[in-house]
PDB file of N, CA and C in Angstrom:
ATOM      1  N   UNK A   1     114.951 105.911 102.171  1.00  0.00           N
ATOM      2  CA  UNK A   1     114.062 106.035 103.302  1.00  0.00           C
ATOM      3  C   UNK A   1     112.890 105.086 103.106  1.00  0.00           C
ATOM      4  N   UNK A   2     112.383 104.564 104.192  1.00  0.00           N
ATOM      5  CA  UNK A   2     111.239 103.656 104.138  1.00  0.00           C
ATOM      6  C   UNK A   2     109.992 104.375 103.659  1.00  0.00           C
ATOM      7  N   UNK A   3     109.210 103.682 102.911  1.00  0.00           N
ATOM      8  CA  UNK A   3     107.917 104.228 102.515  1.00  0.00           C
ATOM      9  C   UNK A   3     106.857 103.475 103.295  1.00  0.00           C
ATOM     10  N   UNK A   4     106.115 104.179 104.090  1.00  0.00           N
ATOM     11  CA  UNK A   4     105.064 103.560 104.887  1.00  0.00           C
ATOM     12  C   UNK A   4     103.797 103.529 104.052  1.00  0.00           C
ATOM     13  N   UNK A   5     103.271 102.337 103.852  1.00  0.00           N
ATOM     14  CA  UNK A   5     102.041 102.193 103.085  1.00  0.00           C
ATOM     15  C   UNK A   5     100.859 102.266 104.043  1.00  0.00           C
ATOM     16  N   UNK A   6      99.958 103.137 103.763  1.00  0.00           N
ATOM     17  CA  UNK A   6      98.778 103.268 104.594  1.00  0.00           C
ATOM     18  C   UNK A   6      97.641 102.505 103.949  1.00  0.00           C
ATOM     19  N   UNK A   7      96.853 101.839 104.760  1.00  0.00           N
ATOM     20  CA  UNK A   7      95.767 101.016 104.249  1.00  0.00           C
ATOM     21  C   UNK A   7      94.556 101.167 105.146  1.00  0.00           C
ATOM     22  N   UNK A   8      93.407 101.076 104.552  1.00  0.00           N
ATOM     23  CA  UNK A   8      92.174 101.101 105.351  1.00  0.00           C
ATOM     24  C   UNK A   8      91.856  99.712 105.868  1.00  0.00           C
ATOM     25  N   UNK A   9      92.582  98.712 105.362  1.00  0.00           N
ATOM     26  CA  UNK A   9      92.397  97.331 105.796  1.00  0.00           C
ATOM     27  C   UNK A   9      92.974  97.193 107.203  1.00  0.00           C
ATOM     28  N   UNK A  10      92.184  96.704 108.134  1.00  0.00           N
ATOM     29  CA  UNK A  10      92.652  96.597 109.515  1.00  0.00           C
ATOM     30  C   UNK A  10      93.339  95.265 109.789  1.00  0.00           C
ATOM     31  N   UNK A  11      93.534  94.431 108.767  1.00  0.00           N
ATOM     32  CA  UNK A  11      94.206  93.157 108.998  1.00  0.00           C
ATOM     33  C   UNK A  11      95.652  93.422 109.380  1.00  0.00           C
ATOM     34  N   UNK A  12      96.214  92.476 110.100  1.00  0.00           N
ATOM     35  CA  UNK A  12      97.579  92.631 110.585  1.00  0.00           C
ATOM     36  C   UNK A  12      98.480  91.624 109.904  1.00  0.00           C
ATOM     37  N   UNK A  13      99.779  91.876 109.990  1.00  0.00           N
ATOM     38  CA  UNK A  13     100.747  90.994 109.369  1.00  0.00           C
ATOM     39  C   UNK A  13     100.660  89.589 109.951  1.00  0.00           C
ATOM     40  N   UNK A  14     100.622  89.474 111.272  1.00  0.00           N
ATOM     41  CA  UNK A  14     100.457  88.195 111.948  1.00  0.00           C
ATOM     42  C   UNK A  14      99.302  88.347 112.936  1.00  0.00           C
ATOM     43  N   UNK A  15      98.054  88.093 112.509  1.00  0.00           N
ATOM     44  CA  UNK A  15      96.890  88.358 113.378  1.00  0.00           C
ATOM     45  C   UNK A  15      96.645  87.263 114.429  1.00  0.00           C
ATOM     46  N   UNK A  16      97.555  87.133 115.365  1.00  0.00           N
ATOM     47  CA  UNK A  16      97.411  86.153 116.445  1.00  0.00           C
ATOM     48  C   UNK A  16      97.764  86.825 117.760  1.00  0.00           C
ATOM     49  N   UNK A  17      97.966  85.996 118.766  1.00  0.00           N
ATOM     50  CA  UNK A  17      98.423  86.510 120.056  1.00  0.00           C
ATOM     51  C   UNK A  17      99.806  87.125 119.873  1.00  0.00           C
ATOM     52  N   UNK A  18     100.209  88.020 120.751  1.00  0.00           N
ATOM     53  CA  UNK A  18     101.510  88.648 120.617  1.00  0.00           C
ATOM     54  C   UNK A  18     102.622  87.635 120.403  1.00  0.00           C
ATOM     55  N   UNK A  19     103.506  87.931 119.446  1.00  0.00           N
ATOM     56  CA  UNK A  19     104.608  87.022 119.111  1.00  0.00           C
ATOM     57  C   UNK A  19     105.712  87.078 120.143  1.00  0.00           C
ATOM     58  N   UNK A  20     106.411  86.000 120.244  1.00  0.00           N
ATOM     59  CA  UNK A  20     107.544  85.919 121.158  1.00  0.00           C
ATOM     60  C   UNK A  20     108.679  85.206 120.444  1.00  0.00           C
ATOM     61  N   UNK A  21     109.832  85.845 120.388  1.00  0.00           N
ATOM     62  CA  UNK A  21     111.006  85.178 119.829  1.00  0.00           C
ATOM     63  C   UNK A  21     111.471  84.143 120.835  1.00  0.00           C
ATOM     64  N   UNK A  22     112.068  83.075 120.362  1.00  0.00           N
ATOM     65  CA  UNK A  22     112.593  82.076 121.294  1.00  0.00           C
ATOM     66  C   UNK A  22     113.832  82.678 121.946  1.00  0.00           C
ATOM     67  N   UNK A  23     113.716  82.979 123.215  1.00  0.00           N
ATOM     68  CA  UNK A  23     114.773  83.678 123.918  1.00  0.00           C
ATOM     69  C   UNK A  23     115.751  82.681 124.529  1.00  0.00           C
ATOM     70  N   UNK A  24     117.034  82.921 124.332  1.00  0.00           N
ATOM     71  CA  UNK A  24     118.072  82.086 124.917  1.00  0.00           C
ATOM     72  C   UNK A  24     118.398  82.617 126.309  1.00  0.00           C
ATOM     73  N   UNK A  25     118.772  81.721 127.209  1.00  0.00           N
ATOM     74  CA  UNK A  25     119.099  82.118 128.580  1.00  0.00           C
ATOM     75  C   UNK A  25     120.243  83.117 128.576  1.00  0.00           C
ATOM     76  N   UNK A  26     120.074  84.224 129.276  1.00  0.00           N
ATOM     77  CA  UNK A  26     121.120  85.216 129.417  1.00  0.00           C
ATOM     78  C   UNK A  26     121.250  86.184 128.253  1.00  0.00           C
ATOM     79  N   UNK A  27     120.410  86.049 127.244  1.00  0.00           N
ATOM     80  CA  UNK A  27     120.475  86.938 126.083  1.00  0.00           C
ATOM     81  C   UNK A  27     119.413  88.013 126.244  1.00  0.00           C
ATOM     82  N   UNK A  28     119.806  89.302 126.220  1.00  0.00           N
ATOM     83  CA  UNK A  28     118.803  90.365 126.364  1.00  0.00           C
ATOM     84  C   UNK A  28     117.773  90.293 125.233  1.00  0.00           C
ATOM     85  N   UNK A  29     116.470  90.467 125.538  1.00  0.00           N
ATOM     86  CA  UNK A  29     115.436  90.390 124.504  1.00  0.00           C
ATOM     87  C   UNK A  29     115.677  91.317 123.326  1.00  0.00           C
ATOM     88  N   UNK A  30     116.329  92.471 123.549  1.00  0.00           N
ATOM     89  CA  UNK A  30     116.541  93.405 122.442  1.00  0.00           C
ATOM     90  C   UNK A  30     117.569  92.895 121.438  1.00  0.00           C
ATOM     91  N   UNK A  31     118.358  91.862 121.786  1.00  0.00           N
ATOM     92  CA  UNK A  31     119.363  91.358 120.855  1.00  0.00           C
ATOM     93  C   UNK A  31     118.810  90.253 119.965  1.00  0.00           C
ATOM     94  N   UNK A  32     117.553  89.868 120.159  1.00  0.00           N
ATOM     95  CA  UNK A  32     116.925  88.846 119.331  1.00  0.00           C
ATOM     96  C   UNK A  32     116.322  89.528 118.112  1.00  0.00           C
ATOM     97  N   UNK A  33     116.817  89.212 116.895  1.00  0.00           N
ATOM     98  CA  UNK A  33     116.294  89.889 115.706  1.00  0.00           C
ATOM     99  C   UNK A  33     114.858  89.503 115.409  1.00  0.00           C
ATOM    100  N   UNK A  34     114.174  90.357 114.710  1.00  0.00           N
ATOM    101  CA  UNK A  34     112.806  90.062 114.311  1.00  0.00           C
ATOM    102  C   UNK A  34     112.769  89.024 113.209  1.00  0.00           C
ATOM    103  N   UNK A  35     111.608  88.421 113.035  1.00  0.00           N
ATOM    104  CA  UNK A  35     111.473  87.425 111.979  1.00  0.00           C
ATOM    105  C   UNK A  35     111.331  88.094 110.617  1.00  0.00           C
ATOM    106  N   UNK A  36     111.088  89.388 110.615  1.00  0.00           N
ATOM    107  CA  UNK A  36     111.016  90.166 109.385  1.00  0.00           C
ATOM    108  C   UNK A  36     112.110  91.222 109.460  1.00  0.00           C
ATOM    109  N   UNK A  37     113.009  91.215 108.458  1.00  0.00           N
ATOM    110  CA  UNK A  37     114.124  92.163 108.444  1.00  0.00           C
ATOM    111  C   UNK A  37     114.004  93.024 107.191  1.00  0.00           C
ATOM    112  N   UNK A  38     114.033  94.329 107.383  1.00  0.00           N
ATOM    113  CA  UNK A  38     113.899  95.283 106.283  1.00  0.00           C
ATOM    114  C   UNK A  38     115.200  96.063 106.161  1.00  0.00           C
ATOM    115  N   UNK A  39     115.744  96.114 104.958  1.00  0.00           N
ATOM    116  CA  UNK A  39     116.979  96.869 104.704  1.00  0.00           C
ATOM    117  C   UNK A  39     116.641  98.353 104.542  1.00  0.00           C
ATOM    118  N   UNK A  40     117.459  99.193 105.119  1.00  0.00           N
ATOM    119  CA  UNK A  40     117.289 100.643 105.027  1.00  0.00           C
ATOM    120  C   UNK A  40     118.589 101.271 104.535  1.00  0.00           C
ATOM    121  N   UNK A  41     118.473 102.282 103.694  1.00  0.00           N
ATOM    122  CA  UNK A  41     119.642 103.030 103.246  1.00  0.00           C
ATOM    123  C   UNK A  41     119.966 104.171 104.200  1.00  0.00           C
ATOM    124  N   UNK A  42     118.972 104.596 104.992  1.00  0.00           N
ATOM    125  CA  UNK A  42     119.138 105.724 105.914  1.00  0.00           C
ATOM    126  C   UNK A  42     118.442 105.387 107.231  1.00  0.00           C
ATOM    127  N   UNK A  43     119.031 104.484 107.989  1.00  0.00           N
ATOM    128  CA  UNK A  43     118.381 103.962 109.189  1.00  0.00           C
ATOM    129  C   UNK A  43     118.078 105.044 110.221  1.00  0.00           C
ATOM    130  N   UNK A  44     118.982 105.989 110.424  1.00  0.00           N
ATOM    131  CA  UNK A  44     118.721 107.043 111.419  1.00  0.00           C
ATOM    132  C   UNK A  44     117.479 107.854 111.053  1.00  0.00           C
ATOM    133  N   UNK A  45     117.330 108.208 109.776  1.00  0.00           N
ATOM    134  CA  UNK A  45     116.150 108.959 109.333  1.00  0.00           C
ATOM    135  C   UNK A  45     114.891 108.104 109.475  1.00  0.00           C
ATOM    136  N   UNK A  46     114.978 106.829 109.090  1.00  0.00           N
ATOM    137  CA  UNK A  46     113.816 105.942 109.203  1.00  0.00           C
ATOM    138  C   UNK A  46     113.414 105.761 110.663  1.00  0.00           C
ATOM    139  N   UNK A  47     114.403 105.632 111.551  1.00  0.00           N
ATOM    140  CA  UNK A  47     114.124 105.495 112.976  1.00  0.00           C
ATOM    141  C   UNK A  47     113.363 106.713 113.501  1.00  0.00           C
ATOM    142  N   UNK A  48     113.837 107.909 113.151  1.00  0.00           N
ATOM    143  CA  UNK A  48     113.175 109.136 113.602  1.00  0.00           C
ATOM    144  C   UNK A  48     111.744 109.229 113.070  1.00  0.00           C
ATOM    145  N   UNK A  49     111.555 108.840 111.810  1.00  0.00           N
ATOM    146  CA  UNK A  49     110.225 108.884 111.204  1.00  0.00           C
ATOM    147  C   UNK A  49     109.277 107.897 111.897  1.00  0.00           C
ATOM    148  N   UNK A  50     109.747 106.679 112.151  1.00  0.00           N
ATOM    149  CA  UNK A  50     108.902 105.689 112.824  1.00  0.00           C
ATOM    150  C   UNK A  50     108.549 106.144 114.230  1.00  0.00           C
ATOM    151  N   UNK A  51     109.525 106.661 114.957  1.00  0.00           N
ATOM    152  CA  UNK A  51     109.278 107.139 116.328  1.00  0.00           C
ATOM    153  C   UNK A  51     108.265 108.284 116.317  1.00  0.00           C
ATOM    154  N   UNK A  52     108.375 109.189 115.333  1.00  0.00           N
ATOM    155  CA  UNK A  52     107.451 110.324 115.262  1.00  0.00           C
ATOM    156  C   UNK A  52     106.021 109.877 114.946  1.00  0.00           C
ATOM    157  N   UNK A  53     105.875 108.707 114.332  1.00  0.00           N
ATOM    158  CA  UNK A  53     104.547 108.177 114.012  1.00  0.00           C
ATOM    159  C   UNK A  53     103.995 107.270 115.104  1.00  0.00           C
ATOM    160  N   UNK A  54     104.716 107.168 116.210  1.00  0.00           N
ATOM    161  CA  UNK A  54     104.218 106.403 117.347  1.00  0.00           C
ATOM    162  C   UNK A  54     104.477 104.905 117.295  1.00  0.00           C
ATOM    163  N   UNK A  55     105.380 104.469 116.418  1.00  0.00           N
ATOM    164  CA  UNK A  55     105.715 103.050 116.340  1.00  0.00           C
ATOM    165  C   UNK A  55     106.462 102.653 117.611  1.00  0.00           C
ATOM    166  N   UNK A  56     106.111 101.502 118.186  1.00  0.00           N
ATOM    167  CA  UNK A  56     106.803 101.009 119.377  1.00  0.00           C
ATOM    168  C   UNK A  56     108.162 100.468 118.949  1.00  0.00           C
ATOM    169  N   UNK A  57     109.217 101.006 119.552  1.00  0.00           N
ATOM    170  CA  UNK A  57     110.584 100.605 119.234  1.00  0.00           C
ATOM    171  C   UNK A  57     111.226  99.980 120.464  1.00  0.00           C
ATOM    172  N   UNK A  58     111.994  98.927 120.265  1.00  0.00           N
ATOM    173  CA  UNK A  58     112.623  98.212 121.372  1.00  0.00           C
ATOM    174  C   UNK A  58     113.829  98.978 121.903  1.00  0.00           C
ATOM    175  N   UNK A  59     114.670  99.490 121.005  1.00  0.00           N
ATOM    176  CA  UNK A  59     115.872 100.196 121.412  1.00  0.00           C
ATOM    177  C   UNK A  59     115.618 101.709 121.431  1.00  0.00           C
ATOM    178  N   UNK A  60     116.481 102.412 122.165  1.00  0.00           N
ATOM    179  CA  UNK A  60     116.379 103.882 122.227  1.00  0.00           C
ATOM    180  C   UNK A  60     116.871 104.529 120.941  1.00  0.00           C
ATOM    181  N   UNK A  61     117.597 103.786 120.128  1.00  0.00           N
ATOM    182  CA  UNK A  61     118.121 104.279 118.862  1.00  0.00           C
ATOM    183  C   UNK A  61     118.812 103.152 118.129  1.00  0.00           C
ATOM    184  N   UNK A  62     119.215 103.384 116.884  1.00  0.00           N
ATOM    185  CA  UNK A  62     119.916 102.345 116.130  1.00  0.00           C
ATOM    186  C   UNK A  62     121.183 101.891 116.869  1.00  0.00           C
ATOM    187  N   UNK A  63     121.408 100.581 116.887  1.00  0.00           N
ATOM    188  CA  UNK A  63     122.570 100.013 117.564  1.00  0.00           C
ATOM    189  C   UNK A  63     123.573  99.504 116.543  1.00  0.00           C
ATOM    190  N   UNK A  64     124.860  99.595 116.892  1.00  0.00           N
ATOM    191  CA  UNK A  64     125.934  99.137 116.013  1.00  0.00           C
ATOM    192  C   UNK A  64     126.175  97.644 116.206  1.00  0.00           C
ATOM    193  N   UNK A  65     126.365  96.952 115.087  1.00  0.00           N
ATOM    194  CA  UNK A  65     126.695  95.534 115.044  1.00  0.00           C
ATOM    195  C   UNK A  65     127.779  95.356 113.992  1.00  0.00           C
ATOM    196  N   UNK A  66     128.453  94.198 113.963  1.00  0.00           N
ATOM    197  CA  UNK A  66     129.497  93.981 112.946  1.00  0.00           C
ATOM    198  C   UNK A  66     129.002  94.173 111.509  1.00  0.00           C
ATOM    199  N   UNK A  67     127.742  93.859 111.227  1.00  0.00           N
ATOM    200  CA  UNK A  67     127.203  93.985 109.858  1.00  0.00           C
ATOM    201  C   UNK A  67     126.759  95.396 109.526  1.00  0.00           C
ATOM    202  N   UNK A  68     126.574  96.236 110.547  1.00  0.00           N
ATOM    203  CA  UNK A  68     126.072  97.588 110.330  1.00  0.00           C
ATOM    204  C   UNK A  68     125.284  98.076 111.531  1.00  0.00           C
ATOM    205  N   UNK A  69     124.112  98.650 111.279  1.00  0.00           N
ATOM    206  CA  UNK A  69     123.245  99.158 112.354  1.00  0.00           C
ATOM    207  C   UNK A  69     121.894  98.453 112.290  1.00  0.00           C
ATOM    208  N   UNK A  70     121.236  98.356 113.457  1.00  0.00           N
ATOM    209  CA  UNK A  70     119.921  97.719 113.503  1.00  0.00           C
ATOM    210  C   UNK A  70     119.059  98.385 114.575  1.00  0.00           C
ATOM    211  N   UNK A  71     117.764  98.401 114.308  1.00  0.00           N
ATOM    212  CA  UNK A  71     116.771  98.823 115.290  1.00  0.00           C
ATOM    213  C   UNK A  71     115.570  97.896 115.137  1.00  0.00           C
ATOM    214  N   UNK A  72     114.861  97.652 116.230  1.00  0.00           N
ATOM    215  CA  UNK A  72     113.741  96.720 116.210  1.00  0.00           C
ATOM    216  C   UNK A  72     112.455  97.427 116.592  1.00  0.00           C
ATOM    217  N   UNK A  73     111.432  97.246 115.767  1.00  0.00           N
ATOM    218  CA  UNK A  73     110.100  97.794 116.033  1.00  0.00           C
ATOM    219  C   UNK A  73     109.173  96.634 116.394  1.00  0.00           C
ATOM    220  N   UNK A  74     108.051  96.957 117.017  1.00  0.00           N
ATOM    221  CA  UNK A  74     107.040  95.956 117.341  1.00  0.00           C
ATOM    222  C   UNK A  74     105.780  96.258 116.555  1.00  0.00           C
ATOM    223  N   UNK A  75     105.221  95.226 115.917  1.00  0.00           N
ATOM    224  CA  UNK A  75     103.954  95.432 115.210  1.00  0.00           C
ATOM    225  C   UNK A  75     102.822  95.439 116.239  1.00  0.00           C
ATOM    226  N   UNK A  76     101.576  95.688 115.841  1.00  0.00           N
ATOM    227  CA  UNK A  76     100.475  95.769 116.808  1.00  0.00           C
ATOM    228  C   UNK A  76     100.263  94.502 117.638  1.00  0.00           C
ATOM    229  N   UNK A  77     100.747  93.343 117.137  1.00  0.00           N
ATOM    230  CA  UNK A  77     100.617  92.091 117.889  1.00  0.00           C
ATOM    231  C   UNK A  77     101.844  91.790 118.739  1.00  0.00           C
ATOM    232  N   UNK A  78     102.840  92.659 118.720  1.00  0.00           N
ATOM    233  CA  UNK A  78     104.042  92.446 119.517  1.00  0.00           C
ATOM    234  C   UNK A  78     105.137  91.688 118.794  1.00  0.00           C
ATOM    235  N   UNK A  79     104.956  91.379 117.509  1.00  0.00           N
ATOM    236  CA  UNK A  79     105.995  90.705 116.739  1.00  0.00           C
ATOM    237  C   UNK A  79     107.096  91.697 116.411  1.00  0.00           C
ATOM    238  N   UNK A  80     108.323  91.216 116.387  1.00  0.00           N
ATOM    239  CA  UNK A  80     109.483  92.064 116.113  1.00  0.00           C
ATOM    240  C   UNK A  80     109.701  92.218 114.612  1.00  0.00           C
ATOM    241  N   UNK A  81     109.980  93.442 114.207  1.00  0.00           N
ATOM    242  CA  UNK A  81     110.334  93.758 112.823  1.00  0.00           C
ATOM    243  C   UNK A  81     111.658  94.519 112.902  1.00  0.00           C
ATOM    244  N   UNK A  82     112.713  93.918 112.366  1.00  0.00           N
ATOM    245  CA  UNK A  82     114.036  94.542 112.430  1.00  0.00           C
ATOM    246  C   UNK A  82     114.324  95.337 111.174  1.00  0.00           C
ATOM    247  N   UNK A  83     114.868  96.513 111.372  1.00  0.00           N
ATOM    248  CA  UNK A  83     115.344  97.327 110.248  1.00  0.00           C
ATOM    249  C   UNK A  83     116.854  97.380 110.391  1.00  0.00           C
ATOM    250  N   UNK A  84     117.567  97.167 109.284  1.00  0.00           N
ATOM    251  CA  UNK A  84     119.011  97.291 109.399  1.00  0.00           C
ATOM    252  C   UNK A  84     119.613  97.967 108.200  1.00  0.00           C
ATOM    253  N   UNK A  85     120.775  98.539 108.440  1.00  0.00           N
ATOM    254  CA  UNK A  85     121.537  99.211 107.394  1.00  0.00           C
ATOM    255  C   UNK A  85     122.902  98.550 107.361  1.00  0.00           C
ATOM    256  N   UNK A  86     123.273  98.019 106.204  1.00  0.00           N
ATOM    257  CA  UNK A  86     124.537  97.327 106.044  1.00  0.00           C
ATOM    258  C   UNK A  86     125.701  98.317 106.099  1.00  0.00           C
ATOM    259  N   UNK A  87     126.763  97.890 106.798  1.00  0.00           N
ATOM    260  CA  UNK A  87     127.970  98.718 106.881  1.00  0.00           C
ATOM    261  C   UNK A  87     128.598  98.833 105.503  1.00  0.00           C
ATOM    262  N   UNK A  88     129.038 100.011 105.159  1.00  0.00           N
ATOM    263  CA  UNK A  88     129.644 100.234 103.839  1.00  0.00           C
ATOM    264  C   UNK A  88     131.115 100.449 103.946  1.00  0.00           C
TER     265      UNK A  88
END
């Protein structure tokens, strides 16, 4: 399970204007992976924990892909952070 580190430091991972992935024509924005990818051993539990803490999530739940499952969160600046669990 992910460990969320709490900090009193208000600095952000990317302290600029909201990030935008380079979107290809006809590709849904939710299918564009984040520039930061975090591996999870229990993605469903991590998803529920992030949602309960008010993290903005792009998908309604973890989605299946050939490599496993993935869900995308948005940081405070709008940058995408992907969490994925490798298929076993």
